[in-house]
Amino acid sequence: MKSKLLALSKNEEFRTLLKSKKISNKYATIFFGHLKSKNKKKLNISFVTKKKIGNAVKRNRIKRRLRNIMNDACKKISINLNYSYLVIAKSTMLNNEFKKIKETLFFEFKKIK
């Protein structure tokens, strides 16, 4: 099955989301808001990891984990597709269990309505 995730591409989109609402936890910060040029049938989401976290291998591992979590979230919980999301990972994601991270992020995405 083809993924329903669609990445943000324009600098303007990132800037508008960074000025909008946010939710933080110990694993990630989630910015969410409405974008004008958005496909309503797909989940518009991007994952960002800072260079402070580590080398490219570690950063890509975090992004793979986040993509996997969001693919599961699309299937298991109802995510508001009217919003666009920007997930900025924190360094605590590297050392913790996948299951704990998944539960925490599921809880955060359920809060966004």
PDB file of N, CA and C in Angstrom:
ATOM      1  N   MET A   1       0.837  -1.183   0.000  1.00  0.00           N
ATOM      2  CA  MET A   1       0.000   0.000   0.000  1.00  0.00           C
ATOM      3  C   MET A   1       0.879   1.242   0.000  1.00  0.00           C
ATOM      4  N   LYS A   2       0.520   2.219  -0.780  1.00  0.00           N
ATOM      5  CA  LYS A   2       1.284   3.455  -0.869  1.00  0.00           C
ATOM      6  C   LYS A   2       1.044   4.316   0.373  1.00  0.00           C
ATOM      7  N   SER A   3       2.086   4.948   0.823  1.00  0.00           N
ATOM      8  CA  SER A   3       2.012   5.757   2.029  1.00  0.00           C
ATOM      9  C   SER A   3       1.154   7.001   1.822  1.00  0.00           C
ATOM     10  N   LYS A   4       0.462   7.421   2.873  1.00  0.00           N
ATOM     11  CA  LYS A   4      -0.359   8.613   2.821  1.00  0.00           C
ATOM     12  C   LYS A   4       0.411   9.840   3.295  1.00  0.00           C
ATOM     13  N   LEU A   5       1.685   9.688   3.630  1.00  0.00           N
ATOM     14  CA  LEU A   5       2.479  10.804   4.122  1.00  0.00           C
ATOM     15  C   LEU A   5       2.996  11.644   2.962  1.00  0.00           C
ATOM     16  N   LEU A   6       2.911  12.943   3.110  1.00  0.00           N
ATOM     17  CA  LEU A   6       3.381  13.883   2.105  1.00  0.00           C
ATOM     18  C   LEU A   6       4.244  14.918   2.812  1.00  0.00           C
ATOM     19  N   ALA A   7       5.472  15.096   2.356  1.00  0.00           N
ATOM     20  CA  ALA A   7       6.411  15.991   3.029  1.00  0.00           C
ATOM     21  C   ALA A   7       6.191  17.439   2.622  1.00  0.00           C
ATOM     22  N   LEU A   8       6.494  18.337   3.540  1.00  0.00           N
ATOM     23  CA  LEU A   8       6.485  19.770   3.228  1.00  0.00           C
ATOM     24  C   LEU A   8       7.672  20.053   2.325  1.00  0.00           C
ATOM     25  N   SER A   9       7.512  20.995   1.404  1.00  0.00           N
ATOM     26  CA  SER A   9       8.604  21.223   0.465  1.00  0.00           C
ATOM     27  C   SER A   9       9.096  22.663   0.429  1.00  0.00           C
ATOM     28  N   LYS A  10       8.250  23.612   0.693  1.00  0.00           N
ATOM     29  CA  LYS A  10       8.626  25.010   0.531  1.00  0.00           C
ATOM     30  C   LYS A  10       9.036  25.641   1.855  1.00  0.00           C
ATOM     31  N   ASN A  11       9.967  26.567   1.773  1.00  0.00           N
ATOM     32  CA  ASN A  11      10.455  27.276   2.943  1.00  0.00           C
ATOM     33  C   ASN A  11       9.318  28.044   3.625  1.00  0.00           C
ATOM     34  N   GLU A  12       8.400  28.580   2.839  1.00  0.00           N
ATOM     35  CA  GLU A  12       7.259  29.328   3.384  1.00  0.00           C
ATOM     36  C   GLU A  12       6.395  28.431   4.271  1.00  0.00           C
ATOM     37  N   GLU A  13       6.212  27.178   3.859  1.00  0.00           N
ATOM     38  CA  GLU A  13       5.400  26.237   4.636  1.00  0.00           C
ATOM     39  C   GLU A  13       6.029  26.000   6.000  1.00  0.00           C
ATOM     40  N   PHE A  14       7.342  25.807   6.030  1.00  0.00           N
ATOM     41  CA  PHE A  14       8.029  25.605   7.300  1.00  0.00           C
ATOM     42  C   PHE A  14       7.901  26.845   8.188  1.00  0.00           C
ATOM     43  N   ARG A  15       8.061  28.012   7.610  1.00  0.00           N
ATOM     44  CA  ARG A  15       7.979  29.258   8.377  1.00  0.00           C
ATOM     45  C   ARG A  15       6.589  29.472   8.970  1.00  0.00           C
ATOM     46  N   THR A  16       5.537  29.196   8.193  1.00  0.00           N
ATOM     47  CA  THR A  16       4.189  29.385   8.719  1.00  0.00           C
ATOM     48  C   THR A  16       3.884  28.385   9.827  1.00  0.00           C
ATOM     49  N   LEU A  17       4.373  27.164   9.700  1.00  0.00           N
ATOM     50  CA  LEU A  17       4.126  26.176  10.753  1.00  0.00           C
ATOM     51  C   LEU A  17       4.901  26.510  12.024  1.00  0.00           C
ATOM     52  N   LEU A  18       6.091  27.058  11.882  1.00  0.00           N
ATOM     53  CA  LEU A  18       6.875  27.421  13.071  1.00  0.00           C
ATOM     54  C   LEU A  18       6.236  28.570  13.842  1.00  0.00           C
ATOM     55  N   LYS A  19       5.385  29.347  13.193  1.00  0.00           N
ATOM     56  CA  LYS A  19       4.685  30.447  13.869  1.00  0.00           C
ATOM     57  C   LYS A  19       3.343  29.995  14.442  1.00  0.00           C
ATOM     58  N   SER A  20       2.906  28.789  14.120  1.00  0.00           N
ATOM     59  CA  SER A  20       1.590  28.321  14.555  1.00  0.00           C
ATOM     60  C   SER A  20       1.681  27.581  15.892  1.00  0.00           C
ATOM     61  N   LYS A  21       0.649  26.824  16.223  1.00  0.00           N
ATOM     62  CA  LYS A  21       0.557  26.131  17.511  1.00  0.00           C
ATOM     63  C   LYS A  21       1.599  25.027  17.631  1.00  0.00           C
ATOM     64  N   LYS A  22       1.941  24.691  18.898  1.00  0.00           N
ATOM     65  CA  LYS A  22       2.899  23.608  19.108  1.00  0.00           C
ATOM     66  C   LYS A  22       2.578  22.829  20.372  1.00  0.00           C
ATOM     67  N   ILE A  23       3.022  21.580  20.356  1.00  0.00           N
ATOM     68  CA  ILE A  23       2.936  20.693  21.515  1.00  0.00           C
ATOM     69  C   ILE A  23       4.318  20.083  21.697  1.00  0.00           C
ATOM     70  N   SER A  24       4.791  20.048  22.937  1.00  0.00           N
ATOM     71  CA  SER A  24       6.119  19.487  23.212  1.00  0.00           C
ATOM     72  C   SER A  24       6.024  18.341  24.195  1.00  0.00           C
ATOM     73  N   ASN A  25       6.906  17.382  24.026  1.00  0.00           N
ATOM     74  CA  ASN A  25       7.114  16.339  25.025  1.00  0.00           C
ATOM     75  C   ASN A  25       8.609  16.057  25.078  1.00  0.00           C
ATOM     76  N   LYS A  26       9.010  15.015  25.788  1.00  0.00           N
ATOM     77  CA  LYS A  26      10.452  14.811  25.939  1.00  0.00           C
ATOM     78  C   LYS A  26      11.119  14.202  24.710  1.00  0.00           C
ATOM     79  N   TYR A  27      10.340  13.744  23.736  1.00  0.00           N
ATOM     80  CA  TYR A  27      10.912  13.143  22.534  1.00  0.00           C
ATOM     81  C   TYR A  27      10.881  14.064  21.314  1.00  0.00           C
ATOM     82  N   ALA A  28       9.874  14.918  21.222  1.00  0.00           N
ATOM     83  CA  ALA A  28       9.735  15.742  20.018  1.00  0.00           C
ATOM     84  C   ALA A  28       8.883  16.974  20.303  1.00  0.00           C
ATOM     85  N   THR A  29       8.995  17.937  19.419  1.00  0.00           N
ATOM     86  CA  THR A  29       8.123  19.109  19.410  1.00  0.00           C
ATOM     87  C   THR A  29       7.316  19.051  18.117  1.00  0.00           C
ATOM     88  N   ILE A  30       6.004  19.169  18.251  1.00  0.00           N
ATOM     89  CA  ILE A  30       5.115  19.063  17.092  1.00  0.00           C
ATOM     90  C   ILE A  30       4.466  20.419  16.845  1.00  0.00           C
ATOM     91  N   PHE A  31       4.748  20.987  15.681  1.00  0.00           N
ATOM     92  CA  PHE A  31       4.093  22.222  15.253  1.00  0.00           C
ATOM     93  C   PHE A  31       2.976  21.820  14.307  1.00  0.00           C
ATOM     94  N   PHE A  32       1.816  22.471  14.439  1.00  0.00           N
ATOM     95  CA  PHE A  32       0.705  22.138  13.552  1.00  0.00           C
ATOM     96  C   PHE A  32      -0.107  23.384  13.240  1.00  0.00           C
ATOM     97  N   GLY A  33      -0.632  23.416  12.029  1.00  0.00           N
ATOM     98  CA  GLY A  33      -1.439  24.543  11.593  1.00  0.00           C
ATOM     99  C   GLY A  33      -2.007  24.291  10.208  1.00  0.00           C
ATOM    100  N   HIS A  34      -2.797  25.240   9.737  1.00  0.00           N
ATOM    101  CA  HIS A  34      -3.421  25.129   8.421  1.00  0.00           C
ATOM    102  C   HIS A  34      -2.509  25.736   7.361  1.00  0.00           C
ATOM    103  N   LEU A  35      -2.390  25.048   6.234  1.00  0.00           N
ATOM    104  CA  LEU A  35      -1.675  25.580   5.076  1.00  0.00           C
ATOM    105  C   LEU A  35      -2.660  25.734   3.926  1.00  0.00           C
ATOM    106  N   LYS A  36      -2.462  26.758   3.110  1.00  0.00           N
ATOM    107  CA  LYS A  36      -3.385  27.013   1.998  1.00  0.00           C
ATOM    108  C   LYS A  36      -3.244  25.973   0.898  1.00  0.00           C
ATOM    109  N   SER A  37      -2.008  25.637   0.538  1.00  0.00           N
ATOM    110  CA  SER A  37      -1.773  24.701  -0.571  1.00  0.00           C
ATOM    111  C   SER A  37      -1.582  23.286  -0.038  1.00  0.00           C
ATOM    112  N   LYS A  38      -2.661  22.736   0.520  1.00  0.00           N
ATOM    113  CA  LYS A  38      -2.554  21.432   1.148  1.00  0.00           C
ATOM    114  C   LYS A  38      -3.522  20.444   0.517  1.00  0.00           C
ATOM    115  N   ASN A  39      -3.039  19.209   0.333  1.00  0.00           N
ATOM    116  CA  ASN A  39      -3.886  18.124  -0.143  1.00  0.00           C
ATOM    117  C   ASN A  39      -4.655  17.573   1.063  1.00  0.00           C
ATOM    118  N   LYS A  40      -5.981  17.618   1.028  1.00  0.00           N
ATOM    119  CA  LYS A  40      -6.811  17.221   2.166  1.00  0.00           C
ATOM    120  C   LYS A  40      -6.881  15.705   2.366  1.00  0.00           C
ATOM    121  N   LYS A  41      -6.460  14.924   1.365  1.00  0.00           N
ATOM    122  CA  LYS A  41      -6.566  13.473   1.475  1.00  0.00           C
ATOM    123  C   LYS A  41      -5.304  12.822   2.012  1.00  0.00           C
ATOM    124  N   LYS A  42      -4.202  13.585   2.066  1.00  0.00           N
ATOM    125  CA  LYS A  42      -2.937  13.031   2.547  1.00  0.00           C
ATOM    126  C   LYS A  42      -2.477  13.763   3.789  1.00  0.00           C
ATOM    127  N   LEU A  43      -1.682  13.092   4.591  1.00  0.00           N
ATOM    128  CA  LEU A  43      -1.128  13.681   5.803  1.00  0.00           C
ATOM    129  C   LEU A  43       0.116  14.466   5.428  1.00  0.00           C
ATOM    130  N   ASN A  44       0.056  15.773   5.584  1.00  0.00           N
ATOM    131  CA  ASN A  44       1.152  16.664   5.229  1.00  0.00           C
ATOM    132  C   ASN A  44       2.054  16.812   6.454  1.00  0.00           C
ATOM    133  N   ILE A  45       3.195  16.117   6.461  1.00  0.00           N
ATOM    134  CA  ILE A  45       4.048  16.092   7.648  1.00  0.00           C
ATOM    135  C   ILE A  45       5.512  16.027   7.226  1.00  0.00           C
ATOM    136  N   SER A  46       6.361  16.692   8.006  1.00  0.00           N
ATOM    137  CA  SER A  46       7.806  16.627   7.785  1.00  0.00           C
ATOM    138  C   SER A  46       8.501  16.376   9.108  1.00  0.00           C
ATOM    139  N   PHE A  47       9.629  15.705   9.029  1.00  0.00           N
ATOM    140  CA  PHE A  47      10.415  15.370  10.208  1.00  0.00           C
ATOM    141  C   PHE A  47      11.760  16.068  10.123  1.00  0.00           C
ATOM    142  N   VAL A  48      12.169  16.705  11.221  1.00  0.00           N
ATOM    143  CA  VAL A  48      13.421  17.450  11.251  1.00  0.00           C
ATOM    144  C   VAL A  48      14.246  16.955  12.424  1.00  0.00           C
ATOM    145  N   THR A  49      15.532  16.715  12.159  1.00  0.00           N
ATOM    146  CA  THR A  49      16.475  16.406  13.234  1.00  0.00           C
ATOM    147  C   THR A  49      17.646  17.369  13.108  1.00  0.00           C
ATOM    148  N   LYS A  50      18.053  17.932  14.220  1.00  0.00           N
ATOM    149  CA  LYS A  50      19.135  18.910  14.205  1.00  0.00           C
ATOM    150  C   LYS A  50      20.488  18.218  14.153  1.00  0.00           C
ATOM    151  N   LYS A  51      21.484  18.932  13.674  1.00  0.00           N
ATOM    152  CA  LYS A  51      22.832  18.364  13.570  1.00  0.00           C
ATOM    153  C   LYS A  51      23.462  18.116  14.931  1.00  0.00           C
ATOM    154  N   LYS A  52      22.960  18.776  15.968  1.00  0.00           N
ATOM    155  CA  LYS A  52      23.485  18.581  17.324  1.00  0.00           C
ATOM    156  C   LYS A  52      23.271  17.142  17.812  1.00  0.00           C
ATOM    157  N   ILE A  53      22.254  16.489  17.277  1.00  0.00           N
ATOM    158  CA  ILE A  53      21.890  15.145  17.740  1.00  0.00           C
ATOM    159  C   ILE A  53      22.983  14.131  17.438  1.00  0.00           C
ATOM    160  N   GLY A  54      23.601  14.227  16.280  1.00  0.00           N
ATOM    161  CA  GLY A  54      24.652  13.270  15.944  1.00  0.00           C
ATOM    162  C   GLY A  54      24.939  13.272  14.456  1.00  0.00           C
ATOM    163  N   ASN A  55      25.619  12.228  14.030  1.00  0.00           N
ATOM    164  CA  ASN A  55      25.966  12.143  12.606  1.00  0.00           C
ATOM    165  C   ASN A  55      24.750  11.749  11.775  1.00  0.00           C
ATOM    166  N   ALA A  56      24.931  11.650  10.477  1.00  0.00           N
ATOM    167  CA  ALA A  56      23.823  11.400   9.557  1.00  0.00           C
ATOM    168  C   ALA A  56      23.129  10.066   9.832  1.00  0.00           C
ATOM    169  N   VAL A  57      23.887   9.069  10.248  1.00  0.00           N
ATOM    170  CA  VAL A  57      23.309   7.758  10.521  1.00  0.00           C
ATOM    171  C   VAL A  57      22.297   7.853  11.666  1.00  0.00           C
ATOM    172  N   LYS A  58      22.666   8.557  12.730  1.00  0.00           N
ATOM    173  CA  LYS A  58      21.769   8.701  13.890  1.00  0.00           C
ATOM    174  C   LYS A  58      20.540   9.531  13.532  1.00  0.00           C
ATOM    175  N   ARG A  59      20.749  10.613  12.794  1.00  0.00           N
ATOM    176  CA  ARG A  59      19.624  11.470  12.410  1.00  0.00           C
ATOM    177  C   ARG A  59      18.651  10.722  11.503  1.00  0.00           C
ATOM    178  N   ASN A  60      19.168   9.957  10.556  1.00  0.00           N
ATOM    179  CA  ASN A  60      18.286   9.197   9.656  1.00  0.00           C
ATOM    180  C   ASN A  60      17.559   8.083  10.387  1.00  0.00           C
ATOM    181  N   ARG A  61      18.185   7.510  11.406  1.00  0.00           N
ATOM    182  CA  ARG A  61      17.523   6.477  12.214  1.00  0.00           C
ATOM    183  C   ARG A  61      16.306   7.073  12.915  1.00  0.00           C
ATOM    184  N   ILE A  62      16.475   8.272  13.451  1.00  0.00           N
ATOM    185  CA  ILE A  62      15.361   8.941  14.121  1.00  0.00           C
ATOM    186  C   ILE A  62      14.239   9.225  13.130  1.00  0.00           C
ATOM    187  N   LYS A  63      14.574   9.701  11.945  1.00  0.00           N
ATOM    188  CA  LYS A  63      13.547  10.008  10.944  1.00  0.00           C
ATOM    189  C   LYS A  63      12.831   8.746  10.474  1.00  0.00           C
ATOM    190  N   ARG A  64      13.569   7.641  10.355  1.00  0.00           N
ATOM    191  CA  ARG A  64      12.925   6.362   9.991  1.00  0.00           C
ATOM    192  C   ARG A  64      11.942   5.939  11.065  1.00  0.00           C
ATOM    193  N   ARG A  65      12.342   6.077  12.320  1.00  0.00           N
ATOM    194  CA  ARG A  65      11.441   5.734  13.426  1.00  0.00           C
ATOM    195  C   ARG A  65      10.176   6.586  13.373  1.00  0.00           C
ATOM    196  N   LEU A  66      10.351   7.883  13.164  1.00  0.00           N
ATOM    197  CA  LEU A  66       9.201   8.786  13.125  1.00  0.00           C
ATOM    198  C   LEU A  66       8.261   8.455  11.964  1.00  0.00           C
ATOM    199  N   ARG A  67       8.821   8.161  10.800  1.00  0.00           N
ATOM    200  CA  ARG A  67       7.978   7.795   9.646  1.00  0.00           C
ATOM    201  C   ARG A  67       7.190   6.524   9.941  1.00  0.00           C
ATOM    202  N   ASN A  68       7.844   5.552  10.557  1.00  0.00           N
ATOM    203  CA  ASN A  68       7.184   4.296  10.906  1.00  0.00           C
ATOM    204  C   ASN A  68       6.050   4.543  11.906  1.00  0.00           C
ATOM    205  N   ILE A  69       6.303   5.371  12.902  1.00  0.00           N
ATOM    206  CA  ILE A  69       5.278   5.691  13.896  1.00  0.00           C
ATOM    207  C   ILE A  69       4.090   6.376  13.233  1.00  0.00           C
ATOM    208  N   MET A  70       4.355   7.312  12.331  1.00  0.00           N
ATOM    209  CA  MET A  70       3.260   8.036  11.691  1.00  0.00           C
ATOM    210  C   MET A  70       2.468   7.153  10.734  1.00  0.00           C
ATOM    211  N   ASN A  71       3.115   6.200  10.073  1.00  0.00           N
ATOM    212  CA  ASN A  71       2.369   5.258   9.228  1.00  0.00           C
ATOM    213  C   ASN A  71       1.428   4.427  10.079  1.00  0.00           C
ATOM    214  N   ASP A  72       1.882   3.998  11.265  1.00  0.00           N
ATOM    215  CA  ASP A  72       1.014   3.264  12.187  1.00  0.00           C
ATOM    216  C   ASP A  72      -0.110   4.156  12.705  1.00  0.00           C
ATOM    217  N   ALA A  73       0.220   5.409  12.990  1.00  0.00           N
ATOM    218  CA  ALA A  73      -0.774   6.332  13.529  1.00  0.00           C
ATOM    219  C   ALA A  73      -1.896   6.578  12.528  1.00  0.00           C
ATOM    220  N   CYS A  74      -1.562   6.627  11.254  1.00  0.00           N
ATOM    221  CA  CYS A  74      -2.591   6.824  10.221  1.00  0.00           C
ATOM    222  C   CYS A  74      -3.586   5.680  10.221  1.00  0.00           C
ATOM    223  N   LYS A  75      -3.100   4.482  10.502  1.00  0.00           N
ATOM    224  CA  LYS A  75      -3.964   3.305  10.484  1.00  0.00           C
ATOM    225  C   LYS A  75      -4.755   3.137  11.777  1.00  0.00           C
ATOM    226  N   LYS A  76      -4.160   3.480  12.930  1.00  0.00           N
ATOM    227  CA  LYS A  76      -4.755   3.126  14.215  1.00  0.00           C
ATOM    228  C   LYS A  76      -5.527   4.251  14.891  1.00  0.00           C
ATOM    229  N   ILE A  77      -5.095   5.496  14.733  1.00  0.00           N
ATOM    230  CA  ILE A  77      -5.811   6.596  15.383  1.00  0.00           C
ATOM    231  C   ILE A  77      -6.275   7.588  14.327  1.00  0.00           C
ATOM    232  N   SER A  78      -7.229   8.411  14.693  1.00  0.00           N
ATOM    233  CA  SER A  78      -7.727   9.404  13.734  1.00  0.00           C
ATOM    234  C   SER A  78      -6.907  10.686  13.881  1.00  0.00           C
ATOM    235  N   ILE A  79      -6.163  10.982  12.834  1.00  0.00           N
ATOM    236  CA  ILE A  79      -5.340  12.190  12.804  1.00  0.00           C
ATOM    237  C   ILE A  79      -6.060  13.218  11.955  1.00  0.00           C
ATOM    238  N   ASN A  80      -6.074  14.448  12.434  1.00  0.00           N
ATOM    239  CA  ASN A  80      -6.751  15.527  11.721  1.00  0.00           C
ATOM    240  C   ASN A  80      -5.973  15.862  10.449  1.00  0.00           C
ATOM    241  N   LEU A  81      -6.526  15.531   9.283  1.00  0.00           N
ATOM    242  CA  LEU A  81      -5.859  15.758   8.004  1.00  0.00           C
ATOM    243  C   LEU A  81      -5.971  17.203   7.531  1.00  0.00           C
ATOM    244  N   ASN A  82      -6.751  18.029   8.238  1.00  0.00           N
ATOM    245  CA  ASN A  82      -6.849  19.439   7.873  1.00  0.00           C
ATOM    246  C   ASN A  82      -5.593  20.207   8.259  1.00  0.00           C
ATOM    247  N   TYR A  83      -4.856  19.692   9.223  1.00  0.00           N
ATOM    248  CA  TYR A  83      -3.629  20.340   9.673  1.00  0.00           C
ATOM    249  C   TYR A  83      -2.420  19.813   8.903  1.00  0.00           C
ATOM    250  N   SER A  84      -1.377  20.628   8.877  1.00  0.00           N
ATOM    251  CA  SER A  84      -0.062  20.194   8.419  1.00  0.00           C
ATOM    252  C   SER A  84       0.820  20.132   9.651  1.00  0.00           C
ATOM    253  N   TYR A  85       1.752  19.198   9.673  1.00  0.00           N
ATOM    254  CA  TYR A  85       2.559  18.962  10.871  1.00  0.00           C
ATOM    255  C   TYR A  85       4.044  19.088  10.569  1.00  0.00           C
ATOM    256  N   LEU A  86       4.782  19.557  11.565  1.00  0.00           N
ATOM    257  CA  LEU A  86       6.232  19.611  11.516  1.00  0.00           C
ATOM    258  C   LEU A  86       6.723  19.018  12.827  1.00  0.00           C
ATOM    259  N   VAL A  87       7.429  17.894  12.754  1.00  0.00           N
ATOM    260  CA  VAL A  87       7.912  17.202  13.950  1.00  0.00           C
ATOM    261  C   VAL A  87       9.412  17.411  14.045  1.00  0.00           C
ATOM    262  N   ILE A  88       9.840  18.076  15.123  1.00  0.00           N
ATOM    263  CA  ILE A  88      11.259  18.305  15.353  1.00  0.00           C
ATOM    264  C   ILE A  88      11.691  17.371  16.478  1.00  0.00           C
ATOM    265  N   ALA A  89      12.588  16.455  16.144  1.00  0.00           N
ATOM    266  CA  ALA A  89      13.019  15.424  17.087  1.00  0.00           C
ATOM    267  C   ALA A  89      14.018  15.984  18.088  1.00  0.00           C
ATOM    268  N   LYS A  90      13.994  15.406  19.287  1.00  0.00           N
ATOM    269  CA  LYS A  90      14.962  15.770  20.319  1.00  0.00           C
ATOM    270  C   LYS A  90      15.952  14.616  20.498  1.00  0.00           C
ATOM    271  N   SER A  91      17.073  14.900  21.145  1.00  0.00           N
ATOM    272  CA  SER A  91      18.135  13.900  21.266  1.00  0.00           C
ATOM    273  C   SER A  91      17.740  12.719  22.146  1.00  0.00           C
ATOM    274  N   THR A  92      16.707  12.847  22.973  1.00  0.00           N
ATOM    275  CA  THR A  92      16.278  11.745  23.831  1.00  0.00           C
ATOM    276  C   THR A  92      15.685  10.588  23.030  1.00  0.00           C
ATOM    277  N   MET A  93      15.355  10.832  21.770  1.00  0.00           N
ATOM    278  CA  MET A  93      14.795   9.779  20.927  1.00  0.00           C
ATOM    279  C   MET A  93      15.788   8.670  20.625  1.00  0.00           C
ATOM    280  N   LEU A  94      17.049   8.987  20.628  1.00  0.00           N
ATOM    281  CA  LEU A  94      18.073   8.000  20.274  1.00  0.00           C
ATOM    282  C   LEU A  94      18.179   6.866  21.282  1.00  0.00           C
ATOM    283  N   ASN A  95      18.088   7.194  22.555  1.00  0.00           N
ATOM    284  CA  ASN A  95      18.413   6.225  23.601  1.00  0.00           C
ATOM    285  C   ASN A  95      17.208   5.515  24.198  1.00  0.00           C
ATOM    286  N   ASN A  96      15.992   5.859  23.785  1.00  0.00           N
ATOM    287  CA  ASN A  96      14.807   5.256  24.379  1.00  0.00           C
ATOM    288  C   ASN A  96      14.182   4.200  23.474  1.00  0.00           C
ATOM    289  N   GLU A  97      13.319   3.391  24.083  1.00  0.00           N
ATOM    290  CA  GLU A  97      12.663   2.308  23.358  1.00  0.00           C
ATOM    291  C   GLU A  97      11.637   2.848  22.375  1.00  0.00           C
ATOM    292  N   PHE A  98      11.524   2.142  21.269  1.00  0.00           N
ATOM    293  CA  PHE A  98      10.584   2.518  20.215  1.00  0.00           C
ATOM    294  C   PHE A  98       9.148   2.527  20.749  1.00  0.00           C
ATOM    295  N   LYS A  99       8.821   1.568  21.582  1.00  0.00           N
ATOM    296  CA  LYS A  99       7.457   1.437  22.099  1.00  0.00           C
ATOM    297  C   LYS A  99       7.057   2.652  22.940  1.00  0.00           C
ATOM    298  N   LYS A 100       7.969   3.143  23.784  1.00  0.00           N
ATOM    299  CA  LYS A 100       7.675   4.310  24.620  1.00  0.00           C
ATOM    300  C   LYS A 100       7.486   5.561  23.774  1.00  0.00           C
ATOM    301  N   ILE A 101       8.344   5.716  22.778  1.00  0.00           N
ATOM    302  CA  ILE A 101       8.250   6.880  21.894  1.00  0.00           C
ATOM    303  C   ILE A 101       6.918   6.850  21.149  1.00  0.00           C
ATOM    304  N   LYS A 102       6.553   5.670  20.667  1.00  0.00           N
ATOM    305  CA  LYS A 102       5.312   5.506  19.905  1.00  0.00           C
ATOM    306  C   LYS A 102       4.093   5.859  20.757  1.00  0.00           C
ATOM    307  N   GLU A 103       4.049   5.357  21.992  1.00  0.00           N
ATOM    308  CA  GLU A 103       2.918   5.639  22.878  1.00  0.00           C
ATOM    309  C   GLU A 103       2.810   7.133  23.166  1.00  0.00           C
ATOM    310  N   THR A 104       3.941   7.772  23.411  1.00  0.00           N
ATOM    311  CA  THR A 104       3.945   9.198  23.720  1.00  0.00           C
ATOM    312  C   THR A 104       3.457  10.020  22.531  1.00  0.00           C
ATOM    313  N   LEU A 105       3.954   9.713  21.348  1.00  0.00           N
ATOM    314  CA  LEU A 105       3.547  10.472  20.161  1.00  0.00           C
ATOM    315  C   LEU A 105       2.086  10.207  19.791  1.00  0.00           C
ATOM    316  N   PHE A 106       1.610   8.977  19.980  1.00  0.00           N
ATOM    317  CA  PHE A 106       0.201   8.671  19.745  1.00  0.00           C
ATOM    318  C   PHE A 106      -0.667   9.545  20.658  1.00  0.00           C
ATOM    319  N   PHE A 107      -0.272   9.638  21.925  1.00  0.00           N
ATOM    320  CA  PHE A 107      -1.013  10.444  22.895  1.00  0.00           C
ATOM    321  C   PHE A 107      -1.053  11.906  22.461  1.00  0.00           C
ATOM    322  N   GLU A 108       0.078  12.426  22.000  1.00  0.00           N
ATOM    323  CA  GLU A 108       0.145  13.835  21.575  1.00  0.00           C
ATOM    324  C   GLU A 108      -0.729  14.084  20.352  1.00  0.00           C
ATOM    325  N   PHE A 109      -0.718  13.170  19.384  1.00  0.00           N
ATOM    326  CA  PHE A 109      -1.521  13.368  18.182  1.00  0.00           C
ATOM    327  C   PHE A 109      -3.006  13.203  18.466  1.00  0.00           C
ATOM    328  N   LYS A 110      -3.366  12.434  19.493  1.00  0.00           N
ATOM    329  CA  LYS A 110      -4.781  12.331  19.873  1.00  0.00           C
ATOM    330  C   LYS A 110      -5.269  13.651  20.473  1.00  0.00           C
ATOM    331  N   LYS A 111      -4.374  14.380  21.142  1.00  0.00           N
ATOM    332  CA  LYS A 111      -4.735  15.659  21.762  1.00  0.00           C
ATOM    333  C   LYS A 111      -5.057  16.724  20.725  1.00  0.00           C
ATOM    334  N   ILE A 112      -4.442  16.652  19.551  1.00  0.00           N
ATOM    335  CA  ILE A 112      -4.633  17.679  18.521  1.00  0.00           C
ATOM    336  C   ILE A 112      -5.968  17.454  17.829  1.00  0.00           C
ATOM    337  N   LYS A 113      -6.859  18.374  17.996  1.00  0.00           N
ATOM    338  CA  LYS A 113      -8.194  18.267  17.360  1.00  0.00           C
ATOM    339  C   LYS A 113      -8.531  19.542  16.637  1.00  0.00           C
TER     340      LYS A 113
END
